[in-house]
Protein backbone atom coordinates (compact mmCIF):
# COMPACT_ATOMS: atom_id res chain seq x y z
CA MET A 1 105.58 117.92 129.91
CA PHE A 2 105.39 121.55 131.03
CA ASP A 3 105.96 123.07 127.58
CA ASN A 4 102.36 124.28 127.33
CA PHE A 5 102.17 125.37 130.98
CA LYS A 6 101.27 129.06 131.22
CA GLN A 7 101.63 131.33 134.22
CA LYS A 8 97.84 131.60 134.68
CA ASP A 9 97.59 127.78 134.88
CA ILE A 10 98.83 127.99 138.46
CA PHE A 11 95.35 129.25 139.40
CA TRP A 12 93.80 125.87 138.60
CA VAL A 13 96.74 123.50 139.16
CA ALA A 14 97.59 124.69 142.69
CA PRO A 15 94.00 124.39 144.01
CA ILE A 16 93.55 120.92 142.57
CA ILE A 17 96.82 119.61 144.03
CA THR A 18 96.11 121.29 147.37
CA LEU A 19 92.58 119.92 147.57
CA CYS A 20 93.75 116.41 146.69
CA LEU A 21 96.24 116.58 149.57
CA ALA A 22 93.57 118.05 151.86
CA ILE A 23 91.62 114.80 151.63
CA LEU A 24 94.41 113.18 153.63
CA PRO A 25 94.80 113.80 157.38
CA MET A 26 97.07 116.85 157.64
CA PRO A 27 98.08 119.31 160.36
CA ILE A 28 95.82 122.33 160.92
CA GLY A 29 98.34 124.71 159.37
CA PHE A 30 97.99 122.94 156.03
CA TYR A 31 94.25 123.58 156.00
CA THR A 32 94.88 127.29 156.60
CA LEU A 33 97.23 127.28 153.61
CA THR A 34 94.56 125.43 151.65
CA ARG A 35 92.02 128.15 152.45
CA ILE A 36 94.41 130.85 151.25
CA ILE A 37 95.17 129.06 147.97
CA ILE A 38 91.56 128.12 147.19
CA CYS A 39 90.16 131.52 148.16
CA GLY A 40 92.73 133.38 146.06
CA SER A 41 92.23 131.14 143.05
CA SER A 42 88.45 131.35 143.40
CA VAL A 43 88.58 135.13 143.45
CA TYR A 44 90.76 135.04 140.31
CA PHE A 45 88.28 132.76 138.52
CA ALA A 46 85.23 134.70 139.73
CA TYR A 47 86.70 138.00 138.54
CA ASN A 48 87.57 136.60 135.11
CA PHE A 49 84.11 135.06 134.74
CA TYR A 50 82.58 138.37 135.81
CA LYS A 51 84.55 140.18 133.11
CA SER A 52 83.39 137.67 130.49
CA LYS A 53 79.79 137.93 131.76
CA GLU A 54 79.46 134.27 132.77
CA VAL A 55 77.08 134.80 135.67
CA THR A 56 76.70 131.19 136.84
CA ASN A 57 80.43 130.57 137.09
CA THR A 58 80.93 133.95 138.77
CA TRP A 59 78.49 132.89 141.50
CA ILE A 60 80.00 129.41 141.85
CA PHE A 61 83.55 130.68 142.31
CA GLY A 62 82.33 133.56 144.47
CA PHE A 63 80.72 130.96 146.73
CA PHE A 64 84.00 129.00 146.86
CA ALA A 65 85.86 132.21 147.77
CA ILE A 66 83.50 132.75 150.70
CA LEU A 67 83.48 129.11 151.77
CA TYR A 68 87.27 128.80 151.78
CA ASN A 69 88.09 132.32 153.00
CA PRO A 70 90.86 132.33 155.64
CA ILE A 71 89.74 135.52 157.43
CA ILE A 72 86.33 134.34 158.65
CA PRO A 73 86.61 130.56 158.26
CA VAL A 74 83.59 128.34 157.81
CA TYR A 75 83.76 125.35 160.14
CA LEU A 76 81.78 122.26 159.17
CA TYR A 77 83.37 120.06 161.89
CA GLU A 78 83.13 116.85 159.85
CA LYS A 79 86.00 115.66 157.65
CA ILE A 80 83.66 113.74 155.35
CA ILE A 81 81.65 116.90 154.55
CA TRP A 82 84.84 118.77 153.67
CA THR A 83 86.01 115.81 151.58
CA VAL A 84 82.83 115.92 149.48
CA ILE A 85 83.09 119.71 149.11
CA ASN A 86 86.76 119.40 148.14
CA ILE A 87 85.90 116.88 145.42
CA VAL A 88 83.15 119.15 144.06
CA THR A 89 85.56 122.09 144.13
CA ILE A 90 88.22 120.07 142.29
CA TYR A 91 85.64 119.22 139.64
CA PHE A 92 84.68 122.88 139.07
CA PHE A 93 88.30 124.04 138.90
CA TYR A 94 89.11 121.27 136.44
CA ILE A 95 86.17 121.76 134.06
CA ASN A 96 86.68 125.54 133.98
CA ARG A 97 90.47 125.51 133.59
CA LYS A 98 90.40 126.47 129.89
CA LYS A 99 87.67 129.10 130.17
CA VAL A 100 89.80 131.56 132.10
């Protein structure tokens, strides 16, 4: 199953798994961990898209890095809003997994 798994694949697998779990009710510490994972992976994707001159994806993942940053967190106060954003974020990580 994991024969084709490469080290860089962690940058799209970890965010997807974390965001799927974040849809469930979890303790606040989990959401801080989620922010760290998503922000780090988004920075990785944004940098690689910047190097390959894919401007749109650079902006998308740059936005995710800002939205999920753990230093100055963005609070939306509604779980349903975060659930929709998490699903959109999962989608973008999944469709761009092979481009990086």
